[in-house]
Amino acid sequence: MDGLYLGLDLGGTKVAVAVGDDEGNLRGKAVQPTPQGDGEAVLAGLLGAADAACRDAGCRLDQVKAAGVGAPGPLDLGRGIVLKAPNLPSVSGFPLREKLAEGLKVPVFMDNDANVAALGEHRLGGGRGYRDLIYITVSTGVGGGLILGGQLYRGRGAAGEIGHLIVQIDGPLCSCGNHGCLEAVASGTAMAKAAEAELAAGEGKSSLLANGRPATGATVGEAAQAGDPLAGKLVARAGAFLGVALADLVNLLDPELILIGGGVSRLGDLLLDPARAEMAGRTLGGRTCPVRVAALGGMVGAVGALVLAMDGLAG
């Protein structure tokens, strides 16, 4: 097999790795829980998942030409270091790109995980054919990537941190240390915290969430889909806060398309209808754009990392 590439997506809860060819065809994949422990433990998990993906593709690691990795940020792209990862602190300050290159014995190209996902959707997913689009991932946290003029926009290296747009002044404390960030009110983690708080205060009624087990973003979502009133309210509220951020992005950048990915995006219109309504009521002159669920699902980061590897090796 010629022209094989690795795409590695390092998330707060899972590691996804894809093997693809020069045409962007997916040949193999592996998805494993993110290892617990320090940076070396995370590195070992990534290398193990890369080996598993190659076995799934029927190839060996030494047949791979290059690798791309999407990592939680912000990053120091010049040094290949994660500067601060609130949802995965074990890799903060860890020389991830250098260590991966040593372990894989191929060139490794690195970028913010949401940037990488935006690349994947633009090139091989729901954003094909669009020149200006915004990708937002809503999961454990909230991140984003900007495709402007057909190219990934990085600014000075940290553009696209959509999860840290302030949408509620004096709102809940975010993992970044600020208050009222989109991530603090619209992520799966935020919905779980809100459910726990309402149940503890006796302000919300739920037959599906009040079961003695800690709420999670997944259980809130499942309860909302089953018609639970408290869960439905929390999802709608998260969607409305997402819509505030979307309006700001439309007013600022006037994109052709906004794609929503990440685990919470599986709620579909339960999340997106409130977001669309809030966005439409807040944009200048009612200007809007399509807001859709991203096409590549849980492998979006790994597929985008394949694109990063191909582009990086091509120069």
Protein backbone atom coordinates (compact mmCIF):
# COMPACT_ATOMS: atom_id res chain seq x y z
CA MET A 1 0.00 0.00 0.00
CA ASP A 2 1.41 3.37 -1.03
CA GLY A 3 0.45 6.79 0.21
CA LEU A 4 -0.94 5.91 3.63
CA TYR A 5 -1.41 8.48 6.37
CA LEU A 6 -2.39 8.45 10.03
CA GLY A 7 -4.88 10.83 11.61
CA LEU A 8 -4.95 10.97 15.42
CA ASP A 9 -7.63 12.76 17.41
CA LEU A 10 -6.87 13.25 21.11
CA GLY A 11 -10.00 14.06 23.08
CA GLY A 12 -10.90 14.41 26.72
CA THR A 13 -12.69 11.05 26.80
CA LYS A 14 -11.53 9.13 23.72
CA VAL A 15 -8.70 8.69 21.26
CA ALA A 16 -9.70 8.12 17.63
CA VAL A 17 -7.21 7.14 14.93
CA ALA A 18 -7.81 6.76 11.21
CA VAL A 19 -5.66 5.35 8.42
CA GLY A 20 -6.34 6.81 4.98
CA ASP A 21 -4.86 7.00 1.51
CA ASP A 22 -3.90 9.85 -0.82
CA GLU A 23 -7.52 10.21 -1.96
CA GLY A 24 -8.81 10.61 1.59
CA ASN A 25 -10.39 7.15 1.63
CA LEU A 26 -10.61 5.67 5.12
CA ARG A 27 -8.81 2.30 5.23
CA GLY A 28 -8.90 1.52 8.95
CA LYS A 29 -9.71 3.03 12.32
CA ALA A 30 -9.49 2.54 16.08
CA VAL A 31 -11.32 4.23 18.93
CA GLN A 32 -10.17 3.80 22.53
CA PRO A 33 -10.71 5.58 25.86
CA THR A 34 -8.24 8.37 26.57
CA PRO A 35 -5.63 6.91 28.94
CA GLN A 36 -5.50 8.18 32.51
CA GLY A 37 -2.18 9.39 33.87
CA ASP A 38 0.57 11.72 32.73
CA GLY A 39 1.67 12.78 29.27
CA GLU A 40 3.69 9.62 28.73
CA ALA A 41 0.62 7.49 29.47
CA VAL A 42 -1.41 9.48 26.93
CA LEU A 43 1.41 9.08 24.40
CA ALA A 44 1.47 5.32 24.92
CA GLY A 45 -2.29 5.22 24.38
CA LEU A 46 -2.02 7.17 21.13
CA LEU A 47 0.71 4.89 19.82
CA GLY A 48 -1.29 1.81 20.78
CA ALA A 49 -4.38 3.15 19.02
CA ALA A 50 -2.28 3.96 15.93
CA ASP A 51 -1.04 0.39 15.83
CA ALA A 52 -4.60 -0.92 16.19
CA ALA A 53 -5.82 1.30 13.34
CA CYS A 54 -3.03 0.04 11.09
CA ARG A 55 -3.96 -3.56 11.88
CA ASP A 56 -7.56 -2.72 11.00
CA ALA A 57 -6.33 -1.30 7.67
CA GLY A 58 -4.20 -4.36 6.96
CA CYS A 59 -0.96 -2.41 7.03
CA ARG A 60 2.00 -1.77 9.33
CA LEU A 61 2.99 1.43 11.08
CA ASP A 62 6.22 1.56 9.06
CA GLN A 63 4.15 1.86 5.85
CA VAL A 64 2.70 5.22 6.93
CA LYS A 65 4.22 8.33 5.29
CA ALA A 66 3.10 10.99 7.78
CA ALA A 67 0.73 11.59 10.65
CA GLY A 68 -1.51 14.43 11.74
CA VAL A 69 -2.74 14.97 15.28
CA GLY A 70 -5.54 17.11 16.63
CA ALA A 71 -4.97 18.06 20.26
CA PRO A 72 -6.91 20.16 22.77
CA GLY A 73 -5.57 23.68 22.91
CA PRO A 74 -4.44 26.36 22.91
CA LEU A 75 -1.19 25.11 21.40
CA ASP A 76 2.29 26.35 20.68
CA LEU A 77 2.33 25.20 17.07
CA GLY A 78 5.98 26.12 16.58
CA ARG A 79 7.13 23.79 19.35
CA GLY A 80 4.31 21.27 19.03
CA ILE A 81 3.26 21.68 22.66
CA VAL A 82 -0.15 21.81 24.28
CA LEU A 83 -0.06 25.01 26.34
CA LYS A 84 -3.21 24.44 28.37
CA ALA A 85 -5.84 21.73 28.07
CA PRO A 86 -8.49 22.31 30.79
CA ASN A 87 -10.28 19.04 29.93
CA LEU A 88 -7.05 17.02 29.62
CA PRO A 89 -4.49 18.63 31.94
CA SER A 90 -2.07 15.69 31.75
CA VAL A 91 -0.83 16.86 28.34
CA SER A 92 -0.42 20.54 29.23
CA GLY A 93 3.22 21.43 28.58
CA PHE A 94 3.94 17.99 27.12
CA PRO A 95 5.99 17.91 23.85
CA LEU A 96 3.34 15.85 22.09
CA ARG A 97 4.40 16.34 18.45
CA GLU A 98 8.06 15.55 19.13
CA LYS A 99 7.23 12.45 21.16
CA LEU A 100 4.76 11.18 18.57
CA ALA A 101 7.31 11.68 15.78
CA GLU A 102 9.84 9.67 17.79
CA GLY A 103 7.35 6.90 18.42
CA LEU A 104 5.87 6.71 14.92
CA LYS A 105 9.15 7.46 13.07
CA VAL A 106 7.36 9.68 10.53
CA PRO A 107 6.79 13.43 10.21
CA VAL A 108 3.97 14.57 12.50
CA PHE A 109 1.84 17.68 11.93
CA MET A 110 -0.20 19.09 14.79
CA ASP A 111 -3.07 21.52 15.24
CA ASN A 112 -5.93 22.32 17.57
CA ASP A 113 -8.50 19.50 17.58
CA ALA A 114 -11.39 21.71 16.47
CA ASN A 115 -9.27 23.23 13.68
CA VAL A 116 -8.49 19.72 12.49
CA ALA A 117 -12.17 18.78 12.59
CA ALA A 118 -13.00 21.88 10.55
CA LEU A 119 -10.44 20.76 7.95
CA GLY A 120 -12.02 17.32 7.79
CA GLU A 121 -15.56 18.62 7.32
CA HIS A 122 -14.41 21.16 4.73
CA ARG A 123 -12.43 18.72 2.62
CA LEU A 124 -14.25 15.42 3.07
CA GLY A 125 -17.51 16.09 4.96
CA GLY A 126 -20.51 18.40 5.07
CA GLY A 127 -18.51 21.51 4.17
CA ARG A 128 -17.31 20.40 0.72
CA GLY A 129 -17.83 23.16 -1.82
CA TYR A 130 -18.04 25.99 0.73
CA ARG A 131 -15.38 28.71 1.00
CA ASP A 132 -16.46 30.24 4.31
CA LEU A 133 -17.71 28.00 7.09
CA ILE A 134 -17.54 27.63 10.84
CA TYR A 135 -17.24 24.28 12.59
CA ILE A 136 -18.23 24.03 16.26
CA THR A 137 -17.79 20.94 18.38
CA VAL A 138 -20.11 20.60 21.40
CA SER A 139 -19.04 17.76 23.65
CA THR A 140 -17.21 17.60 26.99
CA GLY A 141 -16.18 21.13 26.10
CA VAL A 142 -16.87 23.47 23.18
CA GLY A 143 -14.37 24.30 20.46
CA GLY A 144 -14.37 25.69 16.96
CA GLY A 145 -12.53 26.05 13.70
CA LEU A 146 -12.80 28.70 10.97
CA ILE A 147 -12.50 28.09 7.24
CA LEU A 148 -12.25 31.49 5.55
CA GLY A 149 -11.62 31.89 1.83
CA GLY A 150 -11.23 28.12 1.57
CA GLN A 151 -8.36 28.04 4.07
CA LEU A 152 -8.09 27.24 7.75
CA TYR A 153 -7.77 30.51 9.66
CA ARG A 154 -5.45 30.28 12.67
CA GLY A 155 -4.85 33.96 13.44
CA ARG A 156 -1.63 34.10 15.45
CA GLY A 157 -2.18 30.46 16.39
CA ALA A 158 -5.21 30.51 18.68
CA ALA A 159 -8.14 31.63 16.48
CA GLY A 160 -11.41 29.74 16.70
CA GLU A 161 -11.73 29.36 20.49
CA ILE A 162 -15.49 29.65 20.13
CA GLY A 163 -16.11 27.85 23.42
CA HIS A 164 -14.68 30.86 25.24
CA LEU A 165 -16.91 33.49 23.73
CA ILE A 166 -18.73 35.15 26.63
CA VAL A 167 -22.48 34.58 26.24
CA GLN A 168 -23.63 35.20 29.83
CA ILE A 169 -21.99 37.99 31.83
CA ASP A 170 -21.33 36.78 35.38
CA GLY A 171 -22.38 33.28 34.30
CA PRO A 172 -20.97 29.99 35.63
CA LEU A 173 -17.23 29.56 36.12
CA CYS A 174 -15.56 28.00 33.09
CA SER A 175 -12.61 25.60 33.23
CA CYS A 176 -10.51 28.38 31.65
CA GLY A 177 -11.05 30.56 34.76
CA ASN A 178 -13.45 33.03 33.16
CA HIS A 179 -17.19 33.31 33.77
CA GLY A 180 -20.04 32.89 31.30
CA CYS A 181 -18.13 31.21 28.45
CA LEU A 182 -20.18 29.25 25.93
CA GLU A 183 -18.45 26.09 27.17
CA ALA A 184 -19.63 26.78 30.71
CA VAL A 185 -23.31 26.94 29.69
CA ALA A 186 -23.74 24.82 26.54
CA SER A 187 -21.38 21.83 26.73
CA GLY A 188 -22.39 18.36 27.82
CA THR A 189 -20.51 18.98 31.05
CA ALA A 190 -22.45 22.22 31.62
CA MET A 191 -25.80 20.50 31.07
CA ALA A 192 -24.87 17.79 33.56
CA LYS A 193 -23.87 20.37 36.19
CA ALA A 194 -27.10 22.30 35.63
CA ALA A 195 -29.15 19.12 36.04
CA GLU A 196 -27.41 18.25 39.31
CA ALA A 197 -27.91 21.78 40.63
CA GLU A 198 -31.62 21.90 39.77
CA LEU A 199 -32.29 18.46 41.24
CA ALA A 200 -30.36 19.28 44.43
CA ALA A 201 -32.30 22.52 44.87
CA GLY A 202 -35.62 20.82 44.16
CA GLU A 203 -36.26 23.23 41.29
CA GLY A 204 -36.58 20.60 38.59
CA LYS A 205 -38.67 17.44 38.28
CA SER A 206 -37.31 14.45 36.44
CA SER A 207 -38.24 10.79 36.52
CA LEU A 208 -35.22 9.89 34.37
CA LEU A 209 -32.45 11.95 35.96
CA ALA A 210 -33.38 11.73 39.65
CA ASN A 211 -32.15 8.15 40.05
CA GLY A 212 -29.32 8.56 42.52
CA ARG A 213 -26.61 8.44 39.84
CA PRO A 214 -24.60 11.51 38.82
CA ALA A 215 -25.97 13.19 35.72
CA THR A 216 -23.77 13.30 32.63
CA GLY A 217 -24.13 15.09 29.32
CA ALA A 218 -25.11 11.75 27.77
CA THR A 219 -27.81 10.98 30.33
CA VAL A 220 -29.28 14.47 30.05
CA GLY A 221 -29.38 14.09 26.28
CA GLU A 222 -30.98 10.65 26.46
CA ALA A 223 -33.59 11.93 28.91
CA ALA A 224 -34.37 14.90 26.65
CA GLN A 225 -34.87 12.59 23.69
CA ALA A 226 -37.23 10.49 25.84
CA GLY A 227 -39.34 13.57 26.61
CA ASP A 228 -38.14 14.32 30.14
CA PRO A 229 -39.22 17.91 30.91
CA LEU A 230 -36.18 18.96 32.95
CA ALA A 231 -33.72 17.51 30.48
CA GLY A 232 -35.60 19.09 27.60
CA LYS A 233 -35.45 22.47 29.31
CA LEU A 234 -31.71 22.15 29.91
CA VAL A 235 -30.99 21.16 26.30
CA ALA A 236 -33.13 24.03 25.00
CA ARG A 237 -31.33 26.47 27.29
CA ALA A 238 -27.94 25.21 26.09
CA GLY A 239 -29.18 25.60 22.53
CA ALA A 240 -30.25 29.18 23.18
CA PHE A 241 -26.81 30.07 24.55
CA LEU A 242 -25.27 28.40 21.50
CA GLY A 243 -27.52 30.62 19.37
CA VAL A 244 -26.17 33.75 21.07
CA ALA A 245 -22.65 32.71 20.03
CA LEU A 246 -23.84 31.86 16.50
CA ALA A 247 -25.34 35.32 16.13
CA ASP A 248 -22.05 36.90 17.15
CA LEU A 249 -20.21 34.76 14.60
CA VAL A 250 -22.67 35.58 11.81
CA ASN A 251 -22.47 39.30 12.61
CA LEU A 252 -18.67 39.16 12.62
CA LEU A 253 -17.84 36.75 9.78
CA ASP A 254 -21.02 36.29 7.68
CA PRO A 255 -20.23 32.61 6.89
CA GLU A 256 -21.97 30.49 4.27
CA LEU A 257 -22.48 27.55 6.63
CA ILE A 258 -22.17 26.56 10.30
CA LEU A 259 -21.63 22.89 11.15
CA ILE A 260 -22.14 21.51 14.66
CA GLY A 261 -20.27 18.36 15.66
CA GLY A 262 -19.33 16.58 18.88
CA GLY A 263 -21.34 14.21 21.01
CA VAL A 264 -24.01 16.74 21.96
CA SER A 265 -24.75 17.37 18.28
CA ARG A 266 -26.44 13.96 18.19
CA LEU A 267 -29.41 15.68 19.83
CA GLY A 268 -30.06 17.28 16.45
CA ASP A 269 -32.97 19.69 16.33
CA LEU A 270 -33.58 19.44 20.10
CA LEU A 271 -30.39 21.48 20.43
CA LEU A 272 -30.28 23.25 17.08
CA ASP A 273 -33.83 24.57 16.77
CA PRO A 274 -33.44 26.78 19.89
CA ALA A 275 -30.00 27.79 18.60
CA ARG A 276 -31.34 28.75 15.19
CA ALA A 277 -34.21 30.72 16.70
CA GLU A 278 -31.92 32.63 19.06
CA MET A 279 -29.43 33.32 16.27
CA ALA A 280 -32.13 34.64 13.93
CA GLY A 281 -33.40 37.04 16.60
CA ARG A 282 -29.96 38.50 17.30
CA THR A 283 -28.26 38.93 13.92
CA LEU A 284 -28.07 42.31 12.23
CA GLY A 285 -31.06 42.68 9.94
CA GLY A 286 -32.08 39.09 10.65
CA ARG A 287 -29.21 37.84 8.48
CA THR A 288 -28.62 34.15 8.99
CA CYS A 289 -27.02 31.06 7.46
CA PRO A 290 -27.69 27.31 7.50
CA VAL A 291 -26.84 25.52 10.76
CA ARG A 292 -26.46 21.76 10.30
CA VAL A 293 -25.14 18.73 12.11
CA ALA A 294 -21.64 17.87 10.84
CA ALA A 295 -21.38 14.87 8.51
CA LEU A 296 -18.35 12.92 9.76
CA GLY A 297 -19.61 12.04 13.24
CA GLY A 298 -17.21 10.75 15.87
CA MET A 299 -14.36 10.25 13.38
CA VAL A 300 -14.31 13.90 12.25
CA GLY A 301 -11.14 14.75 14.17
CA ALA A 302 -9.25 11.70 12.95
CA VAL A 303 -10.33 12.29 9.34
CA GLY A 304 -9.34 15.94 9.62
CA ALA A 305 -5.96 14.90 11.00
CA LEU A 306 -5.49 12.78 7.86
CA VAL A 307 -6.03 15.94 5.81
CA LEU A 308 -3.54 17.77 8.04
CA ALA A 309 -0.94 15.06 7.44
CA MET A 310 -1.47 15.06 3.68
CA ASP A 311 -1.30 18.85 3.46
CA GLY A 312 1.71 19.00 5.75
CA LEU A 313 3.72 16.49 3.76
CA ALA A 314 2.76 18.19 0.50
CA GLY A 315 4.15 21.45 1.93
